[in-house]
C-alpha atoms as a PDB file:
ATOM      1  CA  MET A   1      85.658 121.012  90.978  1.00  0.00           C
ATOM      2  CA  ASN A   2      84.580 124.378  90.212  1.00  0.00           C
ATOM      3  CA  SER A   3      86.522 127.023  92.189  1.00  0.00           C
ATOM      4  CA  SER A   4      83.249 127.678  94.048  1.00  0.00           C
ATOM      5  CA  ASP A   5      83.424 124.152  95.802  1.00  0.00           C
ATOM      6  CA  ARG A   6      86.770 124.413  97.230  1.00  0.00           C
ATOM      7  CA  ARG A   7      87.283 124.832 101.012  1.00  0.00           C
ATOM      8  CA  SER A   8      89.490 126.597 103.349  1.00  0.00           C
ATOM      9  CA  ASP A   9      90.240 123.229 105.299  1.00  0.00           C
ATOM     10  CA  VAL A  10      89.947 119.922 103.374  1.00  0.00           C
ATOM     11  CA  LEU A  11      89.601 116.249 104.797  1.00  0.00           C
ATOM     12  CA  VAL A  12      90.248 113.259 102.171  1.00  0.00           C
ATOM     13  CA  MET A  13      89.663 109.971 104.069  1.00  0.00           C
ATOM     14  CA  VAL A  14      91.669 106.835 102.296  1.00  0.00           C
ATOM     15  CA  PRO A  15      89.973 103.725 102.747  1.00  0.00           C
ATOM     16  CA  GLY A  16      91.959 102.372  99.546  1.00  0.00           C
ATOM     17  CA  VAL A  17      95.262 103.096 101.560  1.00  0.00           C
ATOM     18  CA  MET A  18      96.301  99.316 101.374  1.00  0.00           C
ATOM     19  CA  GLY A  19      95.355  99.209  97.348  1.00  0.00           C
ATOM     20  CA  SER A  20      91.706  97.894  98.274  1.00  0.00           C
ATOM     21  CA  ALA A  21      88.906  99.799 100.093  1.00  0.00           C
ATOM     22  CA  PRO A  22      86.539  97.528 102.477  1.00  0.00           C
ATOM     23  CA  ASP A  23      83.379  97.103 101.039  1.00  0.00           C
ATOM     24  CA  GLY A  24      83.978  98.251  97.266  1.00  0.00           C
ATOM     25  CA  ALA A  25      84.190 101.584  98.367  1.00  0.00           C
ATOM     26  CA  GLU A  26      86.268 104.330  96.721  1.00  0.00           C
ATOM     27  CA  ALA A  27      89.676 104.425  97.343  1.00  0.00           C
ATOM     28  CA  PHE A  28      89.453 107.698  98.846  1.00  0.00           C
ATOM     29  CA  HIS A  29      86.794 110.571  99.195  1.00  0.00           C
ATOM     30  CA  LEU A  30      86.158 114.213 100.397  1.00  0.00           C
ATOM     31  CA  ALA A  31      84.714 114.179 104.031  1.00  0.00           C
ATOM     32  CA  ALA A  32      82.977 117.025 106.096  1.00  0.00           C
ATOM     33  CA  ILE A  33      85.849 118.223 108.475  1.00  0.00           C
ATOM     34  CA  ASP A  34      83.514 119.413 110.982  1.00  0.00           C
ATOM     35  CA  SER A  35      81.757 115.618 110.932  1.00  0.00           C
ATOM     36  CA  PRO A  36      82.895 112.435 113.003  1.00  0.00           C
ATOM     37  CA  GLN A  37      85.237 110.540 110.997  1.00  0.00           C
ATOM     38  CA  LEU A  38      87.193 108.357 113.498  1.00  0.00           C
ATOM     39  CA  LEU A  39      86.144 105.893 116.264  1.00  0.00           C
ATOM     40  CA  VAL A  40      87.227 105.921 119.660  1.00  0.00           C
ATOM     41  CA  THR A  41      88.675 102.664 119.484  1.00  0.00           C
ATOM     42  CA  ASP A  42      91.183 103.498 116.634  1.00  0.00           C
ATOM     43  CA  PHE A  43      94.611 102.700 117.711  1.00  0.00           C
ATOM     44  CA  VAL A  44      95.404 106.287 116.986  1.00  0.00           C
ATOM     45  CA  ALA A  45      92.982 107.363 119.974  1.00  0.00           C
ATOM     46  CA  THR A  46      94.190 104.582 122.472  1.00  0.00           C
ATOM     47  CA  ARG A  47      97.785 104.339 121.830  1.00  0.00           C
ATOM     48  CA  GLY A  48      98.934 106.604 119.823  1.00  0.00           C
ATOM     49  CA  ASP A  49      99.733 103.739 116.977  1.00  0.00           C
ATOM     50  CA  GLY A  50     100.365 105.347 113.808  1.00  0.00           C
ATOM     51  CA  VAL A  51     102.804 107.237 111.591  1.00  0.00           C
ATOM     52  CA  PHE A  52     102.777 110.809 109.591  1.00  0.00           C
ATOM     53  CA  GLU A  53     103.880 112.623 107.122  1.00  0.00           C
ATOM     54  CA  THR A  54     103.537 116.678 106.734  1.00  0.00           C
ATOM     55  CA  LEU A  55     104.175 118.009 103.058  1.00  0.00           C
ATOM     56  CA  GLY A  56     104.142 121.745 101.713  1.00  0.00           C
ATOM     57  CA  ALA A  57     102.026 122.693  98.959  1.00  0.00           C
ATOM     58  CA  PHE A  58     103.382 126.151  97.550  1.00  0.00           C
ATOM     59  CA  ASP A  59     101.525 128.057  94.845  1.00  0.00           C
ATOM     60  CA  GLY A  60      99.451 124.846  94.482  1.00  0.00           C
ATOM     61  CA  THR A  61     102.459 122.546  93.843  1.00  0.00           C
ATOM     62  CA  LEU A  62     103.149 119.521  96.556  1.00  0.00           C
ATOM     63  CA  VAL A  63     107.080 119.541  97.041  1.00  0.00           C
ATOM     64  CA  ASN A  64     108.631 116.038  97.464  1.00  0.00           C
ATOM     65  CA  VAL A  65     105.946 113.979  97.457  1.00  0.00           C
ATOM     66  CA  ARG A  66     107.720 110.880  96.434  1.00  0.00           C
ATOM     67  CA  PRO A  67     110.523 110.973  99.654  1.00  0.00           C
ATOM     68  CA  HIS A  68     107.432 111.850 101.983  1.00  0.00           C
ATOM     69  CA  LEU A  69     105.946 108.746 101.176  1.00  0.00           C
ATOM     70  CA  GLU A  70     108.911 106.397 101.126  1.00  0.00           C
ATOM     71  CA  ARG A  71     109.751 108.012 104.500  1.00  0.00           C
ATOM     72  CA  LEU A  72     105.926 106.881 105.343  1.00  0.00           C
ATOM     73  CA  THR A  73     106.977 103.460 103.894  1.00  0.00           C
ATOM     74  CA  ARG A  74     109.661 103.074 106.061  1.00  0.00           C
ATOM     75  CA  SER A  75     107.933 104.370 109.462  1.00  0.00           C
ATOM     76  CA  ALA A  76     105.318 102.141 108.767  1.00  0.00           C
ATOM     77  CA  ALA A  77     107.584  99.304 108.392  1.00  0.00           C
ATOM     78  CA  MET A  78     109.440 100.333 111.554  1.00  0.00           C
ATOM     79  CA  ILE A  79     105.997  99.540 113.414  1.00  0.00           C
ATOM     80  CA  ASP A  80     105.238  96.568 111.849  1.00  0.00           C
ATOM     81  CA  LEU A  81     102.354  98.120 109.513  1.00  0.00           C
ATOM     82  CA  PRO A  82     101.855  96.723 105.659  1.00  0.00           C
ATOM     83  CA  ALA A  83     103.301  98.877 103.018  1.00  0.00           C
ATOM     84  CA  PRO A  84     100.621 101.683 101.938  1.00  0.00           C
ATOM     85  CA  ASP A  85      99.678 101.836  98.325  1.00  0.00           C
ATOM     86  CA  LEU A  86     101.658 104.799  96.972  1.00  0.00           C
ATOM     87  CA  GLU A  87      99.826 105.685  94.058  1.00  0.00           C
ATOM     88  CA  VAL A  88      96.402 105.859  95.893  1.00  0.00           C
ATOM     89  CA  LEU A  89      98.080 108.334  98.362  1.00  0.00           C
ATOM     90  CA  THR A  90      99.610 110.539  95.487  1.00  0.00           C
ATOM     91  CA  ALA A  91      96.093 110.895  94.217  1.00  0.00           C
ATOM     92  CA  ALA A  92      94.430 111.427  97.385  1.00  0.00           C
ATOM     93  CA  LEU A  93      97.301 114.086  98.268  1.00  0.00           C
ATOM     94  CA  ASP A  94      96.342 115.677  94.790  1.00  0.00           C
ATOM     95  CA  ALA A  95      92.816 115.604  95.343  1.00  0.00           C
ATOM     96  CA  ALA A  96      93.171 117.289  99.011  1.00  0.00           C
ATOM     97  CA  VAL A  97      95.612 120.259  97.054  1.00  0.00           C
ATOM     98  CA  ALA A  98      92.881 120.610  94.177  1.00  0.00           C
ATOM     99  CA  ALA A  99      89.922 120.560  96.879  1.00  0.00           C
ATOM    100  CA  HIS A 100      91.516 123.581  98.989  1.00  0.00           C
ATOM    101  CA  GLU A 101      91.181 127.277  98.077  1.00  0.00           C
ATOM    102  CA  PRO A 102      94.132 128.701  96.199  1.00  0.00           C
ATOM    103  CA  VAL A 103      96.738 130.026  98.770  1.00  0.00           C
ATOM    104  CA  ARG A 104     100.611 130.388  98.568  1.00  0.00           C
ATOM    105  CA  GLU A 105     101.317 128.051 101.393  1.00  0.00           C
ATOM    106  CA  LEU A 106      99.407 125.000 102.217  1.00  0.00           C
ATOM    107  CA  THR A 107      99.928 122.318 105.075  1.00  0.00           C
ATOM    108  CA  VAL A 108      99.290 118.810 104.084  1.00  0.00           C
ATOM    109  CA  ARG A 109      99.480 116.189 106.830  1.00  0.00           C
ATOM    110  CA  LEU A 110      98.898 112.472 106.067  1.00  0.00           C
ATOM    111  CA  SER A 111      98.020 110.122 108.930  1.00  0.00           C
ATOM    112  CA  LEU A 112      98.166 106.395 108.787  1.00  0.00           C
ATOM    113  CA  THR A 113      97.067 104.442 111.973  1.00  0.00           C
ATOM    114  CA  ARG A 114      97.018 100.845 112.802  1.00  0.00           C
ATOM    115  CA  GLY A 115      93.078 101.227 112.742  1.00  0.00           C
ATOM    116  CA  VAL A 116      90.269 100.054 114.706  1.00  0.00           C
ATOM    117  CA  GLU A 117      91.031  97.160 117.397  1.00  0.00           C
ATOM    118  CA  GLY A 118      89.869  94.192 116.002  1.00  0.00           C
ATOM    119  CA  THR A 119      89.389  95.058 112.147  1.00  0.00           C
ATOM    120  CA  ASP A 120      92.936  94.556 111.315  1.00  0.00           C
ATOM    121  CA  GLU A 121      92.279  97.470 108.623  1.00  0.00           C
ATOM    122  CA  PRO A 122      94.643 100.471 108.792  1.00  0.00           C
ATOM    123  CA  THR A 123      92.933 104.127 108.925  1.00  0.00           C
ATOM    124  CA  CYS A 124      94.567 106.852 106.915  1.00  0.00           C
ATOM    125  CA  TRP A 125      93.056 110.648 106.309  1.00  0.00           C
ATOM    126  CA  ILE A 126      94.407 113.771 104.943  1.00  0.00           C
ATOM    127  CA  HIS A 127      94.117 117.238 106.116  1.00  0.00           C
ATOM    128  CA  ALA A 128      94.844 120.113 104.054  1.00  0.00           C
ATOM    129  CA  ARG A 129      95.021 123.644 105.442  1.00  0.00           C
ATOM    130  CA  THR A 130      96.543 127.038 104.940  1.00  0.00           C
ATOM    131  CA  ALA A 131     100.131 126.947 106.415  1.00  0.00           C
ATOM    132  CA  GLU A 132     100.870 129.128 109.978  1.00  0.00           C
ATOM    133  CA  ASP A 133     102.473 132.354 109.233  1.00  0.00           C
ATOM    134  CA  TYR A 134     106.169 131.086 109.473  1.00  0.00           C
ATOM    135  CA  ALA A 135     107.716 134.289 109.146  1.00  0.00           C
ATOM    136  CA  PRO A 136     109.104 134.954 112.473  1.00  0.00           C
ATOM    137  CA  ALA A 137     110.366 131.361 112.739  1.00  0.00           C
ATOM    138  CA  ARG A 138     112.198 131.912 109.243  1.00  0.00           C
ATOM    139  CA  ALA A 139     113.901 135.171 110.694  1.00  0.00           C
ATOM    140  CA  GLY A 140     115.463 133.089 113.172  1.00  0.00           C
ATOM    141  CA  LEU A 141     114.994 131.042 116.242  1.00  0.00           C
ATOM    142  CA  ARG A 142     116.549 131.030 119.807  1.00  0.00           C
ATOM    143  CA  VAL A 143     117.400 126.926 120.253  1.00  0.00           C
ATOM    144  CA  ILE A 144     118.286 125.185 123.453  1.00  0.00           C
ATOM    145  CA  THR A 145     120.156 121.771 123.893  1.00  0.00           C
ATOM    146  CA  LEU A 146     117.845 118.936 125.532  1.00  0.00           C
ATOM    147  CA  ASP A 147     119.133 115.174 126.022  1.00  0.00           C
ATOM    148  CA  ARG A 148     117.141 112.646 123.846  1.00  0.00           C
ATOM    149  CA  GLY A 149     118.030 110.315 126.362  1.00  0.00           C
ATOM    150  CA  LEU A 150     119.046 107.785 123.562  1.00  0.00           C
ATOM    151  CA  SER A 151     122.750 107.079 122.213  1.00  0.00           C
ATOM    152  CA  THR A 152     123.545 107.377 118.600  1.00  0.00           C
ATOM    153  CA  THR A 153     123.930 103.526 118.703  1.00  0.00           C
ATOM    154  CA  ALA A 154     120.342 103.028 119.792  1.00  0.00           C
ATOM    155  CA  PRO A 155     118.829 102.182 116.558  1.00  0.00           C
ATOM    156  CA  ALA A 156     121.258  99.576 115.961  1.00  0.00           C
ATOM    157  CA  THR A 157     121.220  98.007 119.380  1.00  0.00           C
ATOM    158  CA  SER A 158     117.183  99.033 120.349  1.00  0.00           C
ATOM    159  CA  PRO A 159     115.454  99.384 117.429  1.00  0.00           C
ATOM    160  CA  TRP A 160     112.394  98.406 119.264  1.00  0.00           C
ATOM    161  CA  LEU A 161     112.866 102.449 120.291  1.00  0.00           C
ATOM    162  CA  LEU A 162     111.694 103.558 117.381  1.00  0.00           C
ATOM    163  CA  ALA A 163     114.388 106.033 116.832  1.00  0.00           C
ATOM    164  CA  GLY A 164     114.133 107.759 113.429  1.00  0.00           C
ATOM    165  CA  ALA A 165     110.270 106.576 112.791  1.00  0.00           C
ATOM    166  CA  LYS A 166     108.042 109.616 112.464  1.00  0.00           C
ATOM    167  CA  THR A 167     105.256 108.140 114.469  1.00  0.00           C
ATOM    168  CA  LEU A 168     102.128 109.730 115.948  1.00  0.00           C
ATOM    169  CA  SER A 169     103.421 109.343 119.565  1.00  0.00           C
ATOM    170  CA  TYR A 170     104.266 113.195 119.860  1.00  0.00           C
ATOM    171  CA  ALA A 171     103.654 113.792 123.415  1.00  0.00           C
ATOM    172  CA  VAL A 172     107.632 113.754 124.030  1.00  0.00           C
ATOM    173  CA  ASN A 173     108.067 116.208 121.251  1.00  0.00           C
ATOM    174  CA  MET A 174     105.322 118.687 122.475  1.00  0.00           C
ATOM    175  CA  ALA A 175     106.955 118.455 126.037  1.00  0.00           C
ATOM    176  CA  VAL A 176     109.973 119.359 124.688  1.00  0.00           C
ATOM    177  CA  LEU A 177     108.795 122.726 122.916  1.00  0.00           C
ATOM    178  CA  ARG A 178     106.835 123.621 125.968  1.00  0.00           C
ATOM    179  CA  GLU A 179     109.990 123.177 128.099  1.00  0.00           C
ATOM    180  CA  ALA A 180     112.019 125.555 125.620  1.00  0.00           C
ATOM    181  CA  GLN A 181     109.422 128.265 125.950  1.00  0.00           C
ATOM    182  CA  ARG A 182     109.621 127.930 129.571  1.00  0.00           C
ATOM    183  CA  ARG A 183     113.339 128.648 129.424  1.00  0.00           C
ATOM    184  CA  GLY A 184     112.942 132.000 126.781  1.00  0.00           C
ATOM    185  CA  ALA A 185     113.483 130.072 123.447  1.00  0.00           C
ATOM    186  CA  GLU A 186     111.832 129.067 120.643  1.00  0.00           C
ATOM    187  CA  GLU A 187     113.081 125.418 119.657  1.00  0.00           C
ATOM    188  CA  VAL A 188     114.960 122.819 120.811  1.00  0.00           C
ATOM    189  CA  LEU A 189     117.907 120.881 119.499  1.00  0.00           C
ATOM    190  CA  PHE A 190     117.941 116.997 120.714  1.00  0.00           C
ATOM    191  CA  VAL A 191     121.545 115.658 122.010  1.00  0.00           C
ATOM    192  CA  SER A 192     122.138 111.929 122.122  1.00  0.00           C
ATOM    193  CA  SER A 193     123.398 110.527 125.430  1.00  0.00           C
ATOM    194  CA  ASP A 194     126.704 110.468 123.947  1.00  0.00           C
ATOM    195  CA  GLY A 195     127.208 113.812 123.163  1.00  0.00           C
ATOM    196  CA  TYR A 196     126.180 114.728 119.781  1.00  0.00           C
ATOM    197  CA  ALA A 197     123.773 117.198 118.138  1.00  0.00           C
ATOM    198  CA  LEU A 198     120.617 115.171 116.560  1.00  0.00           C
ATOM    199  CA  GLU A 199     117.456 116.962 115.233  1.00  0.00           C
ATOM    200  CA  GLY A 200     114.836 119.369 116.263  1.00  0.00           C
ATOM    201  CA  PRO A 201     111.509 117.714 117.706  1.00  0.00           C
ATOM    202  CA  THR A 202     110.077 118.633 114.153  1.00  0.00           C
ATOM    203  CA  SER A 203     112.908 119.551 112.068  1.00  0.00           C
ATOM    204  CA  THR A 204     116.422 118.477 110.426  1.00  0.00           C
ATOM    205  CA  LEU A 205     119.635 119.958 111.448  1.00  0.00           C
ATOM    206  CA  LEU A 206     121.763 121.558 108.758  1.00  0.00           C
ATOM    207  CA  VAL A 207     125.282 123.080 109.894  1.00  0.00           C
ATOM    208  CA  GLN A 208     127.703 125.156 107.988  1.00  0.00           C
ATOM    209  CA  ARG A 209     131.451 124.295 108.952  1.00  0.00           C
ATOM    210  CA  GLU A 210     133.639 126.921 107.165  1.00  0.00           C
ATOM    211  CA  ASP A 211     132.886 125.783 103.398  1.00  0.00           C
ATOM    212  CA  ARG A 212     131.073 122.070 104.199  1.00  0.00           C
ATOM    213  CA  PHE A 213     127.366 121.724 104.929  1.00  0.00           C
ATOM    214  CA  LEU A 214     126.681 118.969 107.159  1.00  0.00           C
ATOM    215  CA  THR A 215     123.839 117.142 108.440  1.00  0.00           C
ATOM    216  CA  THR A 216     123.387 114.344 110.956  1.00  0.00           C
ATOM    217  CA  PRO A 217     123.735 110.406 109.884  1.00  0.00           C
ATOM    218  CA  VAL A 218     120.272 108.881 109.644  1.00  0.00           C
ATOM    219  CA  SER A 219     122.270 105.862 111.685  1.00  0.00           C
ATOM    220  CA  ALA A 220     122.077 108.284 114.591  1.00  0.00           C
ATOM    221  CA  GLY A 221     118.568 107.863 115.411  1.00  0.00           C
ATOM    222  CA  VAL A 222     117.100 111.045 113.250  1.00  0.00           C
ATOM    223  CA  LEU A 223     114.522 110.904 110.761  1.00  0.00           C
ATOM    224  CA  PRO A 224     115.618 110.951 106.803  1.00  0.00           C
ATOM    225  CA  GLY A 225     114.874 114.769 106.187  1.00  0.00           C
ATOM    226  CA  THR A 226     113.474 115.170 102.775  1.00  0.00           C
ATOM    227  CA  SER A 227     114.183 118.888 103.292  1.00  0.00           C
ATOM    228  CA  VAL A 228     117.806 118.652 103.614  1.00  0.00           C
ATOM    229  CA  THR A 229     117.927 116.259 100.696  1.00  0.00           C
ATOM    230  CA  SER A 230     116.672 119.816  98.502  1.00  0.00           C
ATOM    231  CA  ALA A 231     119.161 121.993 100.602  1.00  0.00           C
ATOM    232  CA  PHE A 232     121.812 119.957  99.585  1.00  0.00           C
ATOM    233  CA  ASP A 233     120.993 119.609  95.831  1.00  0.00           C
ATOM    234  CA  ALA A 234     121.128 123.064  96.047  1.00  0.00           C
ATOM    235  CA  LEU A 235     123.939 123.701  97.629  1.00  0.00           C
ATOM    236  CA  ARG A 236     125.893 121.183  95.769  1.00  0.00           C
ATOM    237  CA  ALA A 237     124.550 123.322  92.645  1.00  0.00           C
ATOM    238  CA  MET A 238     126.416 126.056  94.161  1.00  0.00           C
ATOM    239  CA  GLY A 239     129.726 124.308  94.817  1.00  0.00           C
ATOM    240  CA  ARG A 240     129.390 123.462  98.310  1.00  0.00           C
ATOM    241  CA  GLN A 241     130.367 120.312  99.683  1.00  0.00           C
ATOM    242  CA  CYS A 242     127.545 118.536 101.746  1.00  0.00           C
ATOM    243  CA  ALA A 243     127.785 115.509 103.991  1.00  0.00           C
ATOM    244  CA  GLU A 244     126.599 113.613 106.961  1.00  0.00           C
ATOM    245  CA  GLU A 245     128.499 113.526 110.017  1.00  0.00           C
ATOM    246  CA  LEU A 246     128.091 113.820 113.684  1.00  0.00           C
ATOM    247  CA  LEU A 247     128.690 116.867 115.234  1.00  0.00           C
ATOM    248  CA  THR A 248     128.853 117.805 118.966  1.00  0.00           C
ATOM    249  CA  PRO A 249     127.010 121.082 120.284  1.00  0.00           C
ATOM    250  CA  ALA A 250     130.087 122.647 120.774  1.00  0.00           C
ATOM    251  CA  GLN A 251     130.765 122.266 117.172  1.00  0.00           C
ATOM    252  CA  VAL A 252     127.540 123.500 116.043  1.00  0.00           C
ATOM    253  CA  LYS A 253     127.988 126.744 118.180  1.00  0.00           C
ATOM    254  CA  GLU A 254     131.213 127.310 116.573  1.00  0.00           C
ATOM    255  CA  SER A 255     130.042 126.784 112.951  1.00  0.00           C
ATOM    256  CA  GLN A 256     129.447 129.567 110.392  1.00  0.00           C
ATOM    257  CA  GLY A 257     125.432 128.907 110.861  1.00  0.00           C
ATOM    258  CA  ALA A 258     123.093 126.293 111.210  1.00  0.00           C
ATOM    259  CA  TRP A 259     119.655 125.808 110.190  1.00  0.00           C
ATOM    260  CA  LEU A 260     116.580 123.751 111.153  1.00  0.00           C
ATOM    261  CA  LEU A 261     114.623 122.654 108.107  1.00  0.00           C
ATOM    262  CA  SER A 262     111.093 121.295 107.676  1.00  0.00           C
ATOM    263  CA  SER A 263     108.725 120.898 104.702  1.00  0.00           C
ATOM    264  CA  GLY A 264     106.438 123.923 106.257  1.00  0.00           C
ATOM    265  CA  ARG A 265     108.549 126.262 108.049  1.00  0.00           C
ATOM    266  CA  LEU A 266     111.342 125.689 105.161  1.00  0.00           C
ATOM    267  CA  ALA A 267     114.876 126.676 106.701  1.00  0.00           C
ATOM    268  CA  CYS A 268     115.054 128.575 109.823  1.00  0.00           C
ATOM    269  CA  PRO A 269     118.468 130.076 111.434  1.00  0.00           C
ATOM    270  CA  ILE A 270     119.631 129.349 114.564  1.00  0.00           C
ATOM    271  CA  THR A 271     120.554 132.613 116.227  1.00  0.00           C
ATOM    272  CA  HIS A 272     121.198 131.304 119.515  1.00  0.00           C
ATOM    273  CA  LEU A 273     122.255 128.060 120.774  1.00  0.00           C
ATOM    274  CA  ASP A 274     121.931 127.585 124.650  1.00  0.00           C
ATOM    275  CA  GLU A 275     124.138 131.013 125.210  1.00  0.00           C
ATOM    276  CA  ALA A 276     126.006 130.984 122.286  1.00  0.00           C
ATOM    277  CA  GLU A 277     124.934 133.396 119.301  1.00  0.00           C
ATOM    278  CA  LEU A 278     125.499 132.163 115.899  1.00  0.00           C
ATOM    279  CA  PRO A 279     125.920 134.182 112.794  1.00  0.00           C
ATOM    280  CA  VAL A 280     123.021 134.303 110.362  1.00  0.00           C
ATOM    281  CA  ASP A 281     123.068 134.332 106.210  1.00  0.00           C
ATOM    282  CA  ARG A 282     120.046 135.897 105.388  1.00  0.00           C
ATOM    283  CA  GLU A 283     120.707 135.581 101.566  1.00  0.00           C
ATOM    284  CA  LEU A 284     121.735 131.849 102.120  1.00  0.00           C
ATOM    285  CA  THR A 285     118.747 131.011 104.181  1.00  0.00           C
ATOM    286  CA  ALA A 286     116.414 132.676 101.511  1.00  0.00           C
ATOM    287  CA  ARG A 287     118.327 130.210  98.958  1.00  0.00           C
ATOM    288  CA  ILE A 288     117.976 126.994 100.979  1.00  0.00           C
ATOM    289  CA  GLY A 289     114.178 128.012 101.410  1.00  0.00           C
ATOM    290  CA  ASP A 290     113.527 128.485  98.227  1.00  0.00           C
ATOM    291  CA  ALA A 291     115.042 125.106  97.148  1.00  0.00           C
ATOM    292  CA  ILE A 292     112.912 123.032  99.667  1.00  0.00           C
ATOM    293  CA  ALA A 293     109.687 125.081  98.535  1.00  0.00           C
ATOM    294  CA  GLY A 294     110.637 123.714  95.112  1.00  0.00           C
ATOM    295  CA  ARG A 295     110.943 127.645  93.828  1.00  0.00           C
ATOM    296  CA  SER A 296     114.908 127.490  92.905  1.00  0.00           C
END
């Protein structure tokens, strides 16, 4: 592809997401982003029935591709979708990045739905676009705690509630962010009904308690964090101890620092949790962010 052919927004449709495309079509192809591509009878439109992943690409290189695709497969299994073809998806993701004009930071969203009613053929697409300016979030976030309404035992006792699945049903997550704004904050930390800090609507919690760095156990119903894995690798290389551990909001407020991590925003320090002010280590935040972006 010539540089003149690269686009500011890229859409890749992936009819071969399950390994073979209908009617012998190509496994994936570039599509016009300003033309209709989805039917209104797709389950994603009628029921929000699907899963997704958002990857970051930094200086043209996708980060944590395999962990994201493995998490997509996990989410798909939780809603009884067949396992996608990871080799096809890897090639399609690479094609999306290659087709985008060169930028320092790129957001690449991969969506997989149950497909059009009656066809039994999943729908899949990839949208690559220049990342938003996340500098304000990376400088620090005012965060409020909100009850998620589920206990940390819900994944074991009620798996049909899909705690820990990254589904396209995001109305609740968007509603809590609007509630945060109404309360003068930028972000939310979900709290379980039995009183433990969980995760953000679109992020993973990382907490420093003295010399230990902690995140919420996946068994409590949070997403398996791809970003926190990168952060842990970097922190362990610095000689720090890292573990999964349940913490109460009070323990987070008393910590030596806390962050919300994600593939696009990287490491966002929590400056305030409800009424409590938390310390912020700018140098450490930058090192964690570089690790998530694959720059360390």
